């Protein structure tokens, strides 16, 4: 599933980021690397997503969120994949 589809309050693991090099490097500098846990705090009607990563709140627009693939973290440590944002 992509980040713009993530449910508020759920915890996810970052799988992949298919972004321009500059944007991807900036997000990595903020702590967003593969297998990092994030918790979605809010989703706006415009598609923007606010989430917590490593103790910091970050907001990104839909134009970035739709290129970040995440998988939901299950209580038993397993993960689950979903569909693509339309």
Protein backbone atom coordinates (compact mmCIF):
# COMPACT_ATOMS: atom_id res chain seq x y z
CA UNK A 1 0.00 0.00 0.00
CA UNK A 2 1.17 3.56 -0.46
CA UNK A 3 1.37 6.09 2.35
CA UNK A 4 -1.53 8.21 1.06
CA UNK A 5 -3.85 5.23 1.73
CA UNK A 6 -2.64 4.59 5.29
CA UNK A 7 -5.19 4.54 8.11
CA UNK A 8 -4.93 7.16 10.86
CA UNK A 9 -3.56 5.67 14.09
CA UNK A 10 -2.01 2.63 12.42
CA UNK A 11 1.68 1.76 12.46
CA UNK A 12 3.51 0.95 9.24
CA UNK A 13 6.98 -0.01 8.05
CA UNK A 14 8.52 1.83 5.11
CA UNK A 15 9.20 -0.58 2.26
CA UNK A 16 10.32 1.59 -0.64
CA UNK A 17 10.50 5.20 -1.80
CA UNK A 18 10.27 5.88 -5.54
CA UNK A 19 11.08 9.59 -5.48
CA UNK A 20 13.55 11.93 -7.08
CA UNK A 21 17.02 11.60 -5.61
CA UNK A 22 16.84 15.00 -3.90
CA UNK A 23 13.50 14.31 -2.17
CA UNK A 24 14.53 10.79 -1.19
CA UNK A 25 17.82 12.03 0.30
CA UNK A 26 15.97 14.70 2.30
CA UNK A 27 13.52 12.17 3.71
CA UNK A 28 16.38 9.82 4.58
CA UNK A 29 18.10 12.69 6.39
CA UNK A 30 14.91 13.04 8.46
CA UNK A 31 15.12 9.36 9.41
CA UNK A 32 12.84 7.80 6.81
CA UNK A 33 14.74 4.75 5.62
CA UNK A 34 13.51 1.26 4.68
CA UNK A 35 12.08 -0.75 7.60
CA UNK A 36 11.52 2.40 9.70
CA UNK A 37 8.32 2.38 11.77
CA UNK A 38 5.92 5.28 11.26
CA UNK A 39 2.55 6.07 12.81
CA UNK A 40 -0.01 7.99 10.78
CA UNK A 41 -1.40 10.86 12.86
CA UNK A 42 -3.68 12.58 10.33
CA UNK A 43 -4.75 12.58 6.69
CA UNK A 44 -6.08 15.69 5.04
CA UNK A 45 -8.71 15.87 2.30
CA UNK A 46 -6.03 17.21 -0.07
CA UNK A 47 -4.09 13.95 0.36
CA UNK A 48 -1.44 15.33 2.71
CA UNK A 49 -0.31 12.92 5.43
CA UNK A 50 1.01 13.81 8.89
CA UNK A 51 2.92 11.03 10.61
CA UNK A 52 5.37 10.35 13.40
CA UNK A 53 8.80 8.97 12.52
CA UNK A 54 11.45 8.44 15.19
CA UNK A 55 9.73 10.87 17.57
CA UNK A 56 9.28 13.66 15.01
CA UNK A 57 6.06 14.77 13.31
CA UNK A 58 6.41 15.13 9.55
CA UNK A 59 3.85 16.33 7.00
CA UNK A 60 4.12 15.51 3.31
CA UNK A 61 1.81 16.15 0.38
CA UNK A 62 0.01 13.56 -1.71
CA UNK A 63 2.49 14.11 -4.55
CA UNK A 64 5.18 12.56 -2.32
CA UNK A 65 3.04 10.19 -0.21
CA UNK A 66 1.79 8.29 -3.27
CA UNK A 67 5.37 7.20 -4.05
CA UNK A 68 6.19 5.81 -0.60
CA UNK A 69 5.29 2.14 -0.20
CA UNK A 70 4.48 0.93 3.31
CA UNK A 71 3.25 -2.26 4.92
CA UNK A 72 1.11 -2.40 8.02
CA UNK A 73 2.79 -3.71 11.13
CA UNK A 74 0.70 -6.40 12.81
CA UNK A 75 0.67 -6.87 16.60
CA UNK A 76 2.56 -10.17 16.24
CA UNK A 77 5.36 -8.49 14.26
CA UNK A 78 4.06 -9.60 10.84
CA UNK A 79 3.23 -7.19 8.02
CA UNK A 80 0.44 -6.93 5.46
CA UNK A 81 0.43 -5.38 1.97
CA UNK A 82 -2.45 -3.61 0.25
CA UNK A 83 -3.35 -1.90 -3.01
CA UNK A 84 -2.05 1.14 -4.86
CA UNK A 85 -3.43 4.69 -4.38
CA UNK A 86 -5.70 5.83 -7.18
